[in-house]
Amino acid sequence: MTKAIMVQGTMSNAGKSLLAAGLCRVFHQDGYCVAPFKSQNMALNSFITKEGLEMGRAQAVQAEACGIEPGARMNPILLKPVDQTGSQVIVNGEVRGNLSAAAYFAMKQGLLPEIRQAYASLAAEYEIIVIEGAGSPAEINLREGDFVNMGMAKLARSPVLLVGDIDRGGVFAQLYGTLALLDKSERDLVKALVINKFRGDAELLKPGLRQLAELTGKPMAGVLPLLPVDIEDEDSLAGRLLRREQGSLLDIAVIRLPHLANFTDFAALEASPGVGVRYVRKAAELGCPDLVVLPGTKSTIADLQWLRQNGLEAAVKKLAASGRPVFGICGGYQMLGRRISDACGAEGGGEIRGLGLLPAETEFAAEKQRTRVTGRALPTGGPLAALSGRELEGYEIHMGRTRLDAGARPLALLDNGTYDGCQQDHIYGSYLHGFFDTADCREAVLGALAAAKGVPTAAAFDLKAYKERQYDALAEGLRRHLDLALVYRILEEGL
C-alpha cells in the first residue's frame, strides 16, 4: 500500500520545496520507489515534460531527486500570475485560460476530480508519495474548499510535517500560531515540527524547543541549518535574484524583469567556475558586463514598458551600440525585435515598439507553444561565433510567433525542421529555455567571452553530475539534522 508524507509550511518560502526534495532523495537512496506531488502550485518557473505538458518547476526538481522523469500529474494545477489579481490556469499541463482570483476561487472545486485522479495514478505506481503544501494552512479565509494543504492531507490520508522559517524571525510564534488557527482535526494531522534555515548554535534553541513541545504536544523532528546546497528555486522569492556578484572572471548581467519567468535558465551559468551572474533592476546597476541577457517573462509587453520607463532600455541599447553582446531568451528575444503586436488579446491587446536590435517582429497568438526540442546552432557571427554548429536542446513556452525580415539570419536549425531565433552582429535571440544548460552551447559562449576578455576559459562543467551531487548533499544534510527515525515512524503509522 502506498504511503504518503506531507510537508506544509508556516508561510511561503519557509523551505517546503527544499525539504520535500530532500525527503524524496533520502527515500530514493534508501531503495524506495518515490514520487513528488503538489496539487496546486503558483509560480512563474515552469517545466515542459517529454509530452509537451507544463508543470511547476519545483515538482520537476523533486522528480529529479527521486530519479524519475517529471510528469504533469505530479502538479495537476499550476497558476502562473499575469497581474496582481489574475493568473493563467494550467490543468494537467494544458492551459485552461486566464482567470481573476475571484473567478478561479469560484470554479476551483470543479478541479477536485482532476487532483484525485492525478494523485491516485501516482499512488498506484509508487511506494511513497512526498506531498508539498502551498503557502500556509493557517490562511483561514481560504480554508473552505481547500485542496492544497489540510484538504489534500485528508484526501491522501497523509501525516504532516510543519516547517517554520527561523531566518525570517518569530519561528516559535509561526509554529504555535499556525497550529492554534487550525481546527482539532487539522492539528491532529500534524505529527512533527521542523525549524528551517537556522544559523548558529542549536543548543541555544533547546529551552524554546522544550516549551514549544509542551505547548503544542508535537515533537520536534529537527532543526535544519541553511544547507550549502544549490538546488533550483521555486519562485521569485529566491535569494539568487538578490545577487550582486562581482569580481568573477566573467560578468553576466541578467535584467530582472518584474514578471521574470524561468530564471532557472541561468543556474548552469551561476554554477560555472569563474562566472558571476548579476540580476539588474536599475540602469545604474548595469555597468559594463561581458554579456547582457534579456530573460523570459510572463508579461512581455508590460515588462518592455517597464524596461523603457526606468531607463534600462536606453542603457542596454548604449551597451549594444558599443559592441557588447546581448542575448534574449523567449520574451527577451521578442523584446529585441522591432515590434510586438497583440491583436488576439493574449496580454490585453495593443502594439508596442521593440528595442529594434534584431530584424524581427512578433505577433501574439492565443495558443501557447509548449515543446521540448533539440537542434544545432547555424553558422554564427559576431563575438559568439564559437556557437556555430554546436548542439543544443531546450524547451519552448510562449504565446507569440516571431517572423524574421527577408534575409535575416536565424540562430539555430531544430531537429523538427523548423528554425529558431535570430542573430545580427553581436545581438542574439532564441525561444529556447535551457539554452545554457547544454554543455556544448554553454562552453562555446563562455569560451568566446573569456577569449574576448583575455581571461582563462571556465573549466568544463557537467550540469547533470553537478545536480546529482547537490541532491546527495541535501539528503546528507537531512540525515545529519533531521530525526529520520521519527520521520519513518510517522510515515509507517500514517493516519
Protein backbone atom coordinates (compact mmCIF):
# COMPACT_ATOMS: atom_id res chain seq x y z
CA MET A 1 0.00 0.00 0.00
CA THR A 2 1.31 3.44 -0.93
CA LYS A 3 2.42 5.61 1.99
CA ALA A 4 2.45 9.40 1.98
CA ILE A 5 4.02 12.20 3.98
CA MET A 6 3.23 15.87 3.52
CA VAL A 7 5.38 18.97 4.06
CA GLN A 8 3.47 22.13 4.97
CA GLY A 9 4.90 25.49 5.99
CA THR A 10 4.02 28.39 8.23
CA MET A 11 4.40 30.75 5.24
CA SER A 12 5.58 30.93 1.67
CA ASN A 13 9.31 30.31 1.24
CA ALA A 14 9.62 28.50 4.58
CA GLY A 15 11.57 25.81 2.76
CA LYS A 16 8.81 23.31 1.88
CA SER A 17 10.08 22.63 -1.63
CA LEU A 18 13.66 22.02 -0.47
CA LEU A 19 12.65 19.75 2.41
CA ALA A 20 10.32 17.80 0.11
CA ALA A 21 13.14 17.40 -2.43
CA GLY A 22 15.46 16.22 0.34
CA LEU A 23 12.98 13.64 1.59
CA CYS A 24 12.49 12.45 -1.99
CA ARG A 25 16.23 11.91 -2.26
CA VAL A 26 16.54 10.19 1.12
CA PHE A 27 13.73 7.74 0.31
CA HIS A 28 15.20 7.16 -3.15
CA GLN A 29 18.64 6.45 -1.66
CA ASP A 30 17.03 4.06 0.82
CA GLY A 31 15.67 1.99 -2.05
CA TYR A 32 12.07 3.16 -2.23
CA CYS A 33 10.14 3.96 -5.38
CA VAL A 34 9.09 7.54 -4.59
CA ALA A 35 7.36 10.41 -6.40
CA PRO A 36 6.51 14.04 -5.53
CA PHE A 37 3.07 15.68 -5.62
CA LYS A 38 1.68 19.18 -5.22
CA SER A 39 -1.98 19.62 -6.06
CA GLN A 40 -1.71 23.35 -6.82
CA ASN A 41 1.39 25.42 -7.44
CA MET A 42 1.69 29.14 -8.10
CA ALA A 43 4.95 30.07 -9.80
CA LEU A 44 6.39 31.61 -12.95
CA ASN A 45 9.08 28.94 -13.14
CA SER A 46 7.68 26.00 -15.07
CA PHE A 47 8.89 22.85 -16.79
CA ILE A 48 7.89 21.16 -20.03
CA THR A 49 7.55 17.39 -19.90
CA LYS A 50 8.51 14.98 -22.67
CA GLU A 51 4.85 15.03 -23.75
CA GLY A 52 4.86 18.81 -24.09
CA LEU A 53 2.84 19.43 -20.90
CA GLU A 54 3.57 22.25 -18.46
CA MET A 55 4.10 21.76 -14.73
CA GLY A 56 5.69 23.52 -11.77
CA ARG A 57 9.46 23.56 -11.76
CA ALA A 58 9.63 22.58 -8.07
CA GLN A 59 7.97 19.22 -8.72
CA ALA A 60 10.25 18.63 -11.72
CA VAL A 61 13.23 19.19 -9.41
CA GLN A 62 11.73 16.84 -6.81
CA ALA A 63 11.20 14.21 -9.52
CA GLU A 64 14.89 14.51 -10.43
CA ALA A 65 15.73 13.95 -6.76
CA CYS A 66 13.58 10.80 -6.93
CA GLY A 67 15.48 9.61 -10.01
CA ILE A 68 12.33 9.62 -12.16
CA GLU A 69 11.02 11.51 -15.19
CA PRO A 70 8.85 14.53 -14.28
CA GLY A 71 5.17 14.26 -15.24
CA ALA A 72 2.31 16.77 -15.18
CA ARG A 73 0.26 14.59 -12.83
CA MET A 74 2.80 15.47 -10.11
CA ASN A 75 1.42 19.01 -10.25
CA PRO A 76 -2.09 18.87 -11.74
CA ILE A 77 -2.82 22.60 -11.23
CA LEU A 78 -0.31 25.35 -12.00
CA LEU A 79 -1.19 29.02 -11.62
CA LYS A 80 1.09 31.49 -13.43
CA PRO A 81 0.40 35.07 -12.28
CA VAL A 82 -0.26 37.53 -15.11
CA ASP A 83 -1.03 40.59 -12.94
CA GLN A 84 -1.81 41.49 -9.34
CA THR A 85 -5.19 39.75 -9.31
CA GLY A 86 -5.17 37.10 -12.02
CA SER A 87 -3.34 34.03 -13.27
CA GLN A 88 -3.09 31.74 -16.22
CA VAL A 89 -4.66 28.47 -15.09
CA ILE A 90 -2.95 25.28 -16.28
CA VAL A 91 -4.63 21.93 -15.56
CA ASN A 92 -2.84 18.65 -16.21
CA GLY A 93 -0.30 20.53 -18.29
CA GLU A 94 -2.82 22.31 -20.55
CA VAL A 95 -3.86 25.97 -20.44
CA ARG A 96 -7.48 26.49 -19.36
CA GLY A 97 -7.35 30.29 -19.67
CA ASN A 98 -6.64 33.45 -17.68
CA LEU A 99 -8.83 33.96 -14.62
CA SER A 100 -9.11 36.56 -11.88
CA ALA A 101 -8.54 35.32 -8.34
CA ALA A 102 -12.27 35.58 -7.63
CA ALA A 103 -13.21 33.67 -10.78
CA TYR A 104 -10.72 30.91 -10.02
CA PHE A 105 -11.90 30.63 -6.43
CA ALA A 106 -15.47 30.26 -7.66
CA MET A 107 -14.65 27.39 -10.03
CA LYS A 108 -11.78 25.58 -8.35
CA GLN A 109 -13.92 22.91 -6.64
CA GLY A 110 -14.65 21.63 -10.11
CA LEU A 111 -10.95 20.75 -10.37
CA LEU A 112 -11.01 18.38 -7.40
CA PRO A 113 -11.65 15.30 -9.58
CA GLU A 114 -8.53 16.16 -11.61
CA ILE A 115 -6.49 16.26 -8.40
CA ARG A 116 -7.94 12.99 -7.12
CA GLN A 117 -7.21 11.26 -10.41
CA ALA A 118 -3.64 12.59 -10.65
CA TYR A 119 -2.83 11.53 -7.09
CA ALA A 120 -4.48 8.13 -7.47
CA SER A 121 -2.47 7.39 -10.61
CA LEU A 122 0.79 8.12 -8.78
CA ALA A 123 -0.30 6.13 -5.73
CA ALA A 124 -0.93 3.14 -7.98
CA GLU A 125 2.68 3.16 -9.18
CA TYR A 126 4.88 4.38 -6.30
CA GLU A 127 5.58 3.17 -2.76
CA ILE A 128 5.93 6.64 -1.22
CA ILE A 129 4.43 9.98 -2.24
CA VAL A 130 6.04 13.15 -0.83
CA ILE A 131 3.36 15.83 -0.91
CA GLU A 132 4.10 19.55 -0.73
CA GLY A 133 1.62 22.12 0.54
CA ALA A 134 1.36 25.75 -0.56
CA GLY A 135 1.70 28.93 1.45
CA SER A 136 0.30 28.26 4.92
CA PRO A 137 -2.53 26.02 6.18
CA ALA A 138 -3.48 28.86 8.55
CA GLU A 139 -4.92 31.01 5.75
CA ILE A 140 -8.29 30.72 7.46
CA ASN A 141 -10.02 32.83 4.80
CA LEU A 142 -9.17 30.08 2.28
CA ARG A 143 -9.98 27.07 4.46
CA GLU A 144 -13.32 26.35 2.80
CA GLY A 145 -12.75 24.06 -0.15
CA ASP A 146 -9.00 23.77 0.48
CA PHE A 147 -7.33 21.03 -1.54
CA VAL A 148 -3.69 22.06 -1.31
CA ASN A 149 -2.89 21.95 2.44
CA MET A 150 -5.01 20.20 5.08
CA GLY A 151 -7.65 19.35 2.49
CA MET A 152 -5.00 17.50 0.48
CA ALA A 153 -3.64 15.78 3.60
CA LYS A 154 -7.13 14.46 4.36
CA LEU A 155 -7.68 13.41 0.76
CA ALA A 156 -4.39 11.46 0.72
CA ARG A 157 -4.68 10.37 4.37
CA SER A 158 -1.19 11.79 4.83
CA PRO A 159 0.53 12.82 8.07
CA VAL A 160 2.04 16.31 8.02
CA LEU A 161 5.41 17.83 8.91
CA LEU A 162 5.01 21.56 9.67
CA VAL A 163 8.03 23.71 8.77
CA GLY A 164 8.86 27.15 10.18
CA ASP A 165 11.48 29.61 8.91
CA ILE A 166 13.70 30.87 11.71
CA ASP A 167 15.72 33.05 9.34
CA ARG A 168 12.75 35.41 8.97
CA GLY A 169 12.19 35.65 12.72
CA GLY A 170 9.48 34.61 15.14
CA VAL A 171 9.67 30.90 14.38
CA PHE A 172 8.09 29.81 17.68
CA ALA A 173 5.15 32.15 17.08
CA GLN A 174 4.96 30.89 13.48
CA LEU A 175 4.62 27.28 14.53
CA TYR A 176 2.43 27.81 17.60
CA GLY A 177 0.21 30.35 15.86
CA THR A 178 -0.27 28.15 12.80
CA LEU A 179 -1.36 25.22 14.97
CA ALA A 180 -3.63 27.48 17.05
CA LEU A 181 -5.51 28.60 13.94
CA LEU A 182 -6.20 25.03 12.80
CA ASP A 183 -9.22 23.09 13.99
CA LYS A 184 -8.65 19.92 16.02
CA SER A 185 -8.99 17.55 13.05
CA GLU A 186 -6.33 19.52 11.22
CA ARG A 187 -3.99 19.77 14.23
CA ASP A 188 -4.21 16.01 14.60
CA LEU A 189 -2.75 15.64 11.10
CA VAL A 190 0.45 17.45 12.14
CA LYS A 191 2.76 14.79 13.54
CA ALA A 192 6.00 16.76 13.98
CA LEU A 193 7.55 20.22 13.63
CA VAL A 194 10.70 21.30 11.77
CA ILE A 195 12.67 24.52 12.15
CA ASN A 196 14.43 25.54 8.95
CA LYS A 197 17.27 27.90 7.93
CA PHE A 198 18.95 28.09 11.35
CA ARG A 199 22.26 29.93 11.79
CA GLY A 200 24.31 29.44 14.95
CA ASP A 201 24.44 27.04 17.89
CA ALA A 202 21.35 24.81 18.04
CA GLU A 203 21.98 24.25 21.78
CA LEU A 204 20.69 27.79 22.39
CA LEU A 205 17.30 26.78 20.98
CA LYS A 206 16.70 23.90 23.39
CA PRO A 207 14.73 25.83 26.07
CA GLY A 208 12.41 27.17 23.36
CA LEU A 209 12.08 23.75 21.75
CA ARG A 210 11.05 22.18 25.06
CA GLN A 211 8.45 24.86 25.74
CA LEU A 212 7.09 24.62 22.19
CA ALA A 213 6.72 20.85 22.57
CA GLU A 214 4.86 21.35 25.88
CA LEU A 215 2.55 23.98 24.35
CA THR A 216 1.74 22.08 21.16
CA GLY A 217 2.16 18.45 22.11
CA LYS A 218 4.11 17.97 18.88
CA PRO A 219 7.66 16.53 18.72
CA MET A 220 10.47 18.44 17.02
CA ALA A 221 11.73 16.45 14.04
CA GLY A 222 14.80 18.61 13.59
CA VAL A 223 16.48 21.97 13.29
CA LEU A 224 17.85 22.35 9.78
CA PRO A 225 20.67 24.82 9.16
CA LEU A 226 20.99 26.88 6.00
CA LEU A 227 22.37 23.98 3.99
CA PRO A 228 25.13 24.86 1.47
CA VAL A 229 23.37 23.27 -1.50
CA ASP A 230 22.49 24.68 -4.91
CA ILE A 231 19.00 23.42 -5.73
CA GLU A 232 16.80 25.22 -8.25
CA ASP A 233 14.43 27.61 -6.53
CA GLU A 234 10.66 27.66 -6.98
CA ASP A 235 9.79 31.31 -7.48
CA SER A 236 10.79 34.96 -7.37
CA LEU A 237 11.36 34.83 -3.60
CA ALA A 238 14.60 33.04 -4.43
CA GLY A 239 17.68 34.60 -2.86
CA ARG A 240 19.65 34.20 -6.09
CA LEU A 241 17.72 37.15 -7.57
CA LEU A 242 19.31 39.43 -4.97
CA ARG A 243 22.83 38.59 -6.09
CA ARG A 244 25.10 41.47 -6.97
CA GLU A 245 28.09 39.24 -7.62
CA GLN A 246 31.19 40.98 -8.91
CA GLY A 247 34.88 40.16 -9.09
CA SER A 248 34.48 36.99 -11.17
CA LEU A 249 36.45 36.43 -14.36
CA LEU A 250 33.29 36.84 -16.42
CA ASP A 251 30.45 39.22 -15.60
CA ILE A 252 26.96 38.36 -16.92
CA ALA A 253 24.11 40.77 -16.24
CA VAL A 254 20.54 39.43 -16.40
CA ILE A 255 17.82 42.08 -16.48
CA ARG A 256 15.48 41.33 -13.58
CA LEU A 257 12.15 41.97 -15.27
CA PRO A 258 9.10 42.40 -12.99
CA HIS A 259 7.48 39.24 -14.41
CA LEU A 260 10.73 37.32 -14.85
CA ALA A 261 9.96 33.68 -15.65
CA ASN A 262 12.17 30.60 -15.68
CA PHE A 263 15.22 32.24 -14.15
CA THR A 264 16.47 28.66 -13.78
CA ASP A 265 17.76 29.27 -17.33
CA PHE A 266 20.84 30.78 -15.67
CA ALA A 267 21.51 28.21 -12.95
CA ALA A 268 24.16 26.47 -15.05
CA LEU A 269 25.93 29.78 -15.69
CA GLU A 270 25.83 30.63 -11.98
CA ALA A 271 27.39 27.29 -11.11
CA SER A 272 30.16 27.55 -13.73
CA PRO A 273 33.63 28.26 -12.27
CA GLY A 274 34.77 31.87 -12.73
CA VAL A 275 31.36 33.14 -13.87
CA GLY A 276 29.43 35.82 -12.00
CA VAL A 277 25.71 36.29 -12.74
CA ARG A 278 24.04 39.51 -11.55
CA TYR A 279 20.32 40.35 -11.61
CA VAL A 280 19.87 44.02 -12.50
CA ARG A 281 16.81 46.19 -11.84
CA LYS A 282 18.23 49.69 -12.38
CA ALA A 283 20.22 51.30 -15.17
CA ALA A 284 22.82 52.42 -12.63
CA GLU A 285 23.47 48.77 -11.70
CA LEU A 286 24.12 47.58 -15.25
CA GLY A 287 27.74 48.70 -15.62
CA CYS A 288 29.71 47.16 -18.47
CA PRO A 289 29.18 43.38 -18.30
CA ASP A 290 30.66 40.88 -20.71
CA LEU A 291 27.16 39.73 -21.69
CA VAL A 292 23.70 41.25 -21.20
CA VAL A 293 20.75 38.85 -21.07
CA LEU A 294 17.09 39.74 -21.50
CA PRO A 295 15.31 36.76 -19.92
CA GLY A 296 11.89 35.20 -20.31
CA THR A 297 8.80 36.89 -18.89
CA LYS A 298 5.13 36.07 -18.35
CA SER A 299 4.15 39.64 -19.44
CA THR A 300 6.34 40.71 -22.35
CA ILE A 301 4.57 43.98 -23.20
CA ALA A 302 4.27 45.20 -19.61
CA ASP A 303 7.90 44.35 -18.92
CA LEU A 304 9.06 46.08 -22.10
CA GLN A 305 7.22 49.21 -20.94
CA TRP A 306 8.95 48.90 -17.56
CA LEU A 307 12.32 48.50 -19.28
CA ARG A 308 11.62 51.66 -21.25
CA GLN A 309 10.35 53.73 -18.34
CA ASN A 310 13.16 53.03 -15.89
CA GLY A 311 15.99 53.74 -18.32
CA LEU A 312 17.23 50.18 -18.77
CA GLU A 313 16.22 50.10 -22.44
CA ALA A 314 18.48 53.07 -23.15
CA ALA A 315 21.29 51.54 -21.08
CA VAL A 316 21.07 48.19 -22.90
CA LYS A 317 20.99 49.89 -26.31
CA LYS A 318 24.00 52.01 -25.37
CA LEU A 319 25.96 48.86 -24.48
CA ALA A 320 24.81 47.21 -27.71
CA ALA A 321 26.00 50.24 -29.68
CA SER A 322 29.43 49.82 -28.09
CA GLY A 323 29.61 46.22 -29.35
CA ARG A 324 28.71 44.37 -26.15
CA PRO A 325 26.89 41.12 -26.89
CA VAL A 326 23.21 40.97 -25.94
CA PHE A 327 21.24 37.71 -25.71
CA GLY A 328 17.45 37.48 -25.46
CA ILE A 329 15.55 34.37 -24.38
CA CYS A 330 11.84 33.88 -25.12
CA GLY A 331 10.13 37.14 -24.09
CA GLY A 332 13.54 38.81 -24.03
CA TYR A 333 14.06 37.68 -27.62
CA GLN A 334 10.69 39.17 -28.58
CA MET A 335 11.70 42.49 -26.99
CA LEU A 336 14.85 42.67 -29.12
CA GLY A 337 12.80 42.83 -32.33
CA ARG A 338 11.26 45.88 -33.96
CA ARG A 339 7.65 45.40 -32.90
CA ILE A 340 5.30 43.25 -30.80
CA SER A 341 1.58 43.12 -31.58
CA ASP A 342 -1.20 41.53 -29.54
CA ALA A 343 -4.29 41.51 -31.74
CA CYS A 344 -5.65 38.39 -30.01
CA GLY A 345 -5.51 39.99 -26.55
CA ALA A 346 -3.12 37.43 -25.04
CA GLU A 347 -1.64 40.23 -22.90
CA GLY A 348 -4.53 42.67 -23.06
CA GLY A 349 -4.17 43.75 -26.69
CA GLY A 350 -2.28 46.57 -28.37
CA GLU A 351 1.05 47.03 -30.07
CA ILE A 352 4.42 48.20 -28.83
CA ARG A 353 7.74 49.14 -30.37
CA GLY A 354 10.61 46.79 -29.54
CA LEU A 355 14.26 47.63 -28.92
CA GLY A 356 14.94 47.34 -32.64
CA LEU A 357 18.16 45.38 -32.19
CA LEU A 358 17.03 42.38 -34.28
CA PRO A 359 15.28 42.38 -37.70
CA ALA A 360 12.15 40.61 -36.47
CA GLU A 361 8.55 41.20 -35.44
CA THR A 362 6.37 39.21 -33.04
CA GLU A 363 2.63 38.68 -33.14
CA PHE A 364 0.98 37.02 -30.17
CA ALA A 365 -1.30 34.04 -30.71
CA ALA A 366 -3.99 32.61 -28.47
CA GLU A 367 -2.39 29.15 -28.47
CA LYS A 368 0.64 28.56 -26.26
CA GLN A 369 3.64 26.83 -27.82
CA ARG A 370 4.92 24.08 -25.49
CA THR A 371 7.57 21.66 -26.67
CA ARG A 372 10.98 20.22 -25.92
CA VAL A 373 13.39 20.44 -28.82
CA THR A 374 16.91 19.61 -29.94
CA GLY A 375 18.93 21.05 -32.78
CA ARG A 376 22.15 22.73 -33.81
CA ALA A 377 23.31 26.33 -33.99
CA LEU A 378 23.69 27.65 -37.53
CA PRO A 379 26.86 29.44 -38.66
CA THR A 380 27.03 32.28 -36.16
CA GLY A 381 28.70 35.65 -36.49
CA GLY A 382 29.89 38.25 -34.02
CA PRO A 383 31.58 37.63 -30.67
CA LEU A 384 29.68 34.36 -30.12
CA ALA A 385 30.80 32.83 -33.41
CA ALA A 386 32.00 29.81 -31.45
CA LEU A 387 28.36 28.75 -31.22
CA SER A 388 28.45 27.74 -34.89
CA GLY A 389 27.46 24.09 -35.28
CA ARG A 390 27.04 23.44 -31.57
CA GLU A 391 24.36 21.00 -30.45
CA LEU A 392 21.58 22.49 -28.36
CA GLU A 393 18.42 21.48 -26.59
CA GLY A 394 15.76 23.22 -24.56
CA TYR A 395 12.05 23.83 -24.29
CA GLU A 396 9.66 26.43 -25.62
CA ILE A 397 6.85 28.10 -23.61
CA HIS A 398 5.48 31.16 -25.38
CA MET A 399 2.36 32.68 -26.88
CA GLY A 400 3.89 34.54 -29.83
CA ARG A 401 5.17 33.80 -33.31
CA THR A 402 8.23 35.74 -34.46
CA ARG A 403 8.78 36.48 -38.15
CA LEU A 404 12.22 37.43 -39.40
CA ASP A 405 12.71 40.08 -42.06
CA ALA A 406 13.73 38.90 -45.52
CA GLY A 407 17.40 37.98 -45.44
CA ALA A 408 17.61 37.88 -41.63
CA ARG A 409 19.61 35.02 -40.14
CA PRO A 410 18.06 32.50 -37.73
CA LEU A 411 20.19 31.28 -34.84
CA ALA A 412 19.50 27.55 -34.99
CA LEU A 413 18.01 24.74 -37.04
CA LEU A 414 15.91 22.41 -34.89
CA ASP A 415 15.66 18.69 -35.47
CA ASN A 416 11.94 19.07 -36.17
CA GLY A 417 12.85 21.01 -39.31
CA THR A 418 11.99 24.50 -38.04
CA TYR A 419 14.28 27.43 -37.36
CA ASP A 420 14.74 29.13 -34.00
CA GLY A 421 15.83 32.60 -33.05
CA CYS A 422 17.68 35.33 -34.85
CA GLN A 423 21.19 36.77 -34.93
CA GLN A 424 22.64 40.03 -36.18
CA ASP A 425 26.21 41.07 -35.45
CA HIS A 426 26.54 40.84 -31.65
CA ILE A 427 22.78 40.55 -30.89
CA TYR A 428 21.25 37.09 -30.44
CA GLY A 429 17.78 35.80 -29.64
CA SER A 430 16.26 32.37 -29.03
CA TYR A 431 12.97 30.95 -27.83
CA LEU A 432 14.76 28.08 -26.08
CA HIS A 433 14.64 27.99 -22.31
CA GLY A 434 17.53 25.93 -21.01
CA PHE A 435 19.79 27.17 -23.82
CA PHE A 436 22.77 27.43 -21.45
CA ASP A 437 22.07 24.07 -19.81
CA THR A 438 23.53 22.34 -22.85
CA ALA A 439 27.25 21.92 -22.21
CA ASP A 440 28.14 22.43 -25.88
CA CYS A 441 26.39 25.83 -26.06
CA ARG A 442 27.41 26.99 -22.60
CA GLU A 443 31.09 26.23 -23.10
CA ALA A 444 31.05 27.92 -26.52
CA VAL A 445 29.51 31.11 -25.10
CA LEU A 446 31.72 31.25 -22.01
CA GLY A 447 34.83 30.38 -24.03
CA ALA A 448 34.10 33.16 -26.53
CA LEU A 449 33.50 35.72 -23.75
CA ALA A 450 36.70 34.66 -21.98
CA ALA A 451 38.75 34.89 -25.19
CA ALA A 452 37.39 38.37 -25.92
CA LYS A 453 38.27 39.50 -22.40
CA GLY A 454 41.65 37.78 -22.30
CA VAL A 455 40.91 35.66 -19.23
CA PRO A 456 41.14 31.89 -18.71
CA THR A 457 38.27 29.86 -20.08
CA ALA A 458 35.99 28.26 -17.49
CA ALA A 459 36.65 24.59 -16.88
CA ALA A 460 34.31 22.02 -18.45
CA PHE A 461 31.21 21.64 -16.29
CA ASP A 462 28.82 18.66 -16.20
CA LEU A 463 25.44 20.08 -15.16
CA LYS A 464 23.75 16.71 -14.63
CA ALA A 465 26.53 15.41 -12.41
CA TYR A 466 26.53 18.72 -10.51
CA LYS A 467 22.79 18.43 -9.83
CA GLU A 468 23.18 14.86 -8.61
CA ARG A 469 25.87 15.98 -6.15
CA GLN A 470 23.57 18.72 -4.86
CA TYR A 471 20.68 16.29 -4.27
CA ASP A 472 23.03 13.93 -2.46
CA ALA A 473 24.38 16.80 -0.33
CA LEU A 474 20.82 17.83 0.53
CA ALA A 475 19.99 14.29 1.61
CA GLU A 476 23.15 14.12 3.70
CA GLY A 477 22.15 17.37 5.42
CA LEU A 478 18.76 15.90 6.29
CA ARG A 479 20.38 12.73 7.60
CA ARG A 480 22.56 14.83 9.95
CA HIS A 481 19.93 17.26 11.21
CA LEU A 482 16.54 15.57 10.83
CA ASP A 483 15.24 12.76 13.05
CA LEU A 484 14.69 10.34 10.19
CA ALA A 485 13.73 7.54 12.57
CA LEU A 486 10.81 9.73 13.65
CA VAL A 487 10.01 10.60 10.03
CA TYR A 488 9.94 6.92 9.05
CA ARG A 489 7.77 6.09 12.06
CA ILE A 490 5.31 8.84 11.08
CA LEU A 491 5.36 7.54 7.50
CA GLU A 492 4.73 3.93 8.58
CA GLU A 493 1.97 4.78 11.08
CA GLY A 494 0.15 7.05 8.66
CA LEU A 495 -3.23 8.28 9.89
